[in-house]
Amino acid sequence: MTELTPYELDEVGAQKIAALAYIHEAWEEARHDGLDVELIAHAALFAALSELVKTYGEDAVAQLVKSLPRRVQHGDFTVNRTKQ
């Protein structure tokens, strides 16, 4: 795997932030239209996982999914977490 230059890392970071902003916008629009948060979340997970499977294959995505429990418990997806 090739290492990214600091500029490329900044660009990837900016693209990730932009992508997340698009997802948040779609999420809020769906909530505004009255969709349940749990249904939106399941649809988002399905869309993300099916796209990853299409791009990387089932085995690679299965490996990614195996790492999710540890990351969830570690707080990687917790927003506005307070440390005690």
C-alpha atoms as a PDB file:
ATOM      1  CA  MET A   1       0.000   0.000   0.000  1.00  0.00           C
ATOM      2  CA  THR A   2       1.342   3.431  -0.886  1.00  0.00           C
ATOM      3  CA  GLU A   3       1.733   6.047   1.792  1.00  0.00           C
ATOM      4  CA  LEU A   4      -0.197   9.261   1.335  1.00  0.00           C
ATOM      5  CA  THR A   5       1.477  12.636   1.475  1.00  0.00           C
ATOM      6  CA  PRO A   6       0.277  15.120   4.124  1.00  0.00           C
ATOM      7  CA  TYR A   7      -1.596  16.989   1.380  1.00  0.00           C
ATOM      8  CA  GLU A   8      -3.321  13.791   0.246  1.00  0.00           C
ATOM      9  CA  LEU A   9      -4.238  12.966   3.847  1.00  0.00           C
ATOM     10  CA  ASP A  10      -5.740  16.443   4.236  1.00  0.00           C
ATOM     11  CA  GLU A  11      -7.696  15.960   0.997  1.00  0.00           C
ATOM     12  CA  VAL A  12      -8.983  12.542   2.098  1.00  0.00           C
ATOM     13  CA  GLY A  13      -9.984  14.037   5.447  1.00  0.00           C
ATOM     14  CA  ALA A  14     -11.813  16.887   3.718  1.00  0.00           C
ATOM     15  CA  GLN A  15     -13.628  14.416   1.464  1.00  0.00           C
ATOM     16  CA  LYS A  16     -14.654  12.314   4.479  1.00  0.00           C
ATOM     17  CA  ILE A  17     -16.040  15.412   6.197  1.00  0.00           C
ATOM     18  CA  ALA A  18     -17.951  16.383   3.040  1.00  0.00           C
ATOM     19  CA  ALA A  19     -19.324  12.851   2.639  1.00  0.00           C
ATOM     20  CA  LEU A  20     -20.500  12.797   6.251  1.00  0.00           C
ATOM     21  CA  ALA A  21     -22.187  16.169   5.763  1.00  0.00           C
ATOM     22  CA  TYR A  22     -24.157  14.724   2.817  1.00  0.00           C
ATOM     23  CA  ILE A  23     -25.212  11.738   4.932  1.00  0.00           C
ATOM     24  CA  HIS A  24     -26.283  13.990   7.813  1.00  0.00           C
ATOM     25  CA  GLU A  25     -28.307  16.140   5.417  1.00  0.00           C
ATOM     26  CA  ALA A  26     -30.111  13.113   3.963  1.00  0.00           C
ATOM     27  CA  TRP A  27     -30.681  11.760   7.486  1.00  0.00           C
ATOM     28  CA  GLU A  28     -32.263  15.009   8.661  1.00  0.00           C
ATOM     29  CA  GLU A  29     -34.437  15.191   5.544  1.00  0.00           C
ATOM     30  CA  ALA A  30     -35.700  11.663   6.196  1.00  0.00           C
ATOM     31  CA  ARG A  31     -36.442  12.532   9.839  1.00  0.00           C
ATOM     32  CA  HIS A  32     -38.235  15.688   8.715  1.00  0.00           C
ATOM     33  CA  ASP A  33     -40.380  13.519   6.431  1.00  0.00           C
ATOM     34  CA  GLY A  34     -41.369  11.439   9.445  1.00  0.00           C
ATOM     35  CA  LEU A  35     -39.232   8.338   9.023  1.00  0.00           C
ATOM     36  CA  ASP A  36     -38.233   6.524  12.200  1.00  0.00           C
ATOM     37  CA  VAL A  37     -34.570   6.896  13.189  1.00  0.00           C
ATOM     38  CA  GLU A  38     -34.125   3.128  13.521  1.00  0.00           C
ATOM     39  CA  LEU A  39     -35.424   2.558   9.973  1.00  0.00           C
ATOM     40  CA  ILE A  40     -33.103   5.235   8.615  1.00  0.00           C
ATOM     41  CA  ALA A  41     -30.152   3.687  10.438  1.00  0.00           C
ATOM     42  CA  HIS A  42     -30.878   0.206   9.097  1.00  0.00           C
ATOM     43  CA  ALA A  43     -31.272   1.548   5.562  1.00  0.00           C
ATOM     44  CA  ALA A  44     -28.008   3.477   5.878  1.00  0.00           C
ATOM     45  CA  LEU A  45     -26.170   0.388   7.130  1.00  0.00           C
ATOM     46  CA  PHE A  46     -27.612  -1.719   4.305  1.00  0.00           C
ATOM     47  CA  ALA A  47     -26.633   0.882   1.704  1.00  0.00           C
ATOM     48  CA  ALA A  48     -23.115   1.226   3.112  1.00  0.00           C
ATOM     49  CA  LEU A  49     -22.469  -2.504   3.457  1.00  0.00           C
ATOM     50  CA  SER A  50     -23.897  -3.388   0.049  1.00  0.00           C
ATOM     51  CA  GLU A  51     -21.748  -0.706  -1.594  1.00  0.00           C
ATOM     52  CA  LEU A  52     -18.653  -1.963   0.213  1.00  0.00           C
ATOM     53  CA  VAL A  53     -19.423  -5.551  -0.843  1.00  0.00           C
ATOM     54  CA  LYS A  54     -19.802  -4.382  -4.437  1.00  0.00           C
ATOM     55  CA  THR A  55     -16.439  -2.600  -4.253  1.00  0.00           C
ATOM     56  CA  TYR A  56     -14.313  -4.913  -2.079  1.00  0.00           C
ATOM     57  CA  GLY A  57     -16.143  -8.247  -1.966  1.00  0.00           C
ATOM     58  CA  GLU A  58     -17.884 -10.178   0.764  1.00  0.00           C
ATOM     59  CA  ASP A  59     -14.768 -11.523   2.500  1.00  0.00           C
ATOM     60  CA  ALA A  60     -13.184  -8.091   2.941  1.00  0.00           C
ATOM     61  CA  VAL A  61     -16.428  -6.615   4.263  1.00  0.00           C
ATOM     62  CA  ALA A  62     -16.899  -9.566   6.630  1.00  0.00           C
ATOM     63  CA  GLN A  63     -13.453  -8.819   8.076  1.00  0.00           C
ATOM     64  CA  LEU A  64     -14.382  -5.146   8.486  1.00  0.00           C
ATOM     65  CA  VAL A  65     -17.621  -6.049  10.244  1.00  0.00           C
ATOM     66  CA  LYS A  66     -15.750  -8.318  12.666  1.00  0.00           C
ATOM     67  CA  SER A  67     -13.893  -5.260  13.963  1.00  0.00           C
ATOM     68  CA  LEU A  68     -17.073  -3.295  14.671  1.00  0.00           C
ATOM     69  CA  PRO A  69     -17.940  -4.651  18.160  1.00  0.00           C
ATOM     70  CA  ARG A  70     -14.517  -3.638  19.497  1.00  0.00           C
ATOM     71  CA  ARG A  71     -14.758  -0.217  17.866  1.00  0.00           C
ATOM     72  CA  VAL A  72     -18.283   0.380  19.194  1.00  0.00           C
ATOM     73  CA  GLN A  73     -17.221  -0.611  22.711  1.00  0.00           C
ATOM     74  CA  HIS A  74     -14.137   1.590  22.385  1.00  0.00           C
ATOM     75  CA  GLY A  75     -16.362   4.585  21.614  1.00  0.00           C
ATOM     76  CA  ASP A  76     -15.304   5.128  18.002  1.00  0.00           C
ATOM     77  CA  PHE A  77     -18.918   5.883  17.039  1.00  0.00           C
ATOM     78  CA  THR A  78     -20.024   7.684  20.190  1.00  0.00           C
ATOM     79  CA  VAL A  79     -20.776  11.345  19.595  1.00  0.00           C
ATOM     80  CA  ASN A  80     -20.454  13.857  22.430  1.00  0.00           C
ATOM     81  CA  ARG A  81     -19.021  11.302  24.829  1.00  0.00           C
ATOM     82  CA  THR A  82     -18.072  12.569  28.271  1.00  0.00           C
ATOM     83  CA  LYS A  83     -14.996  11.042  29.886  1.00  0.00           C
ATOM     84  CA  GLN A  84     -15.252  10.250  33.567  1.00  0.00           C
END
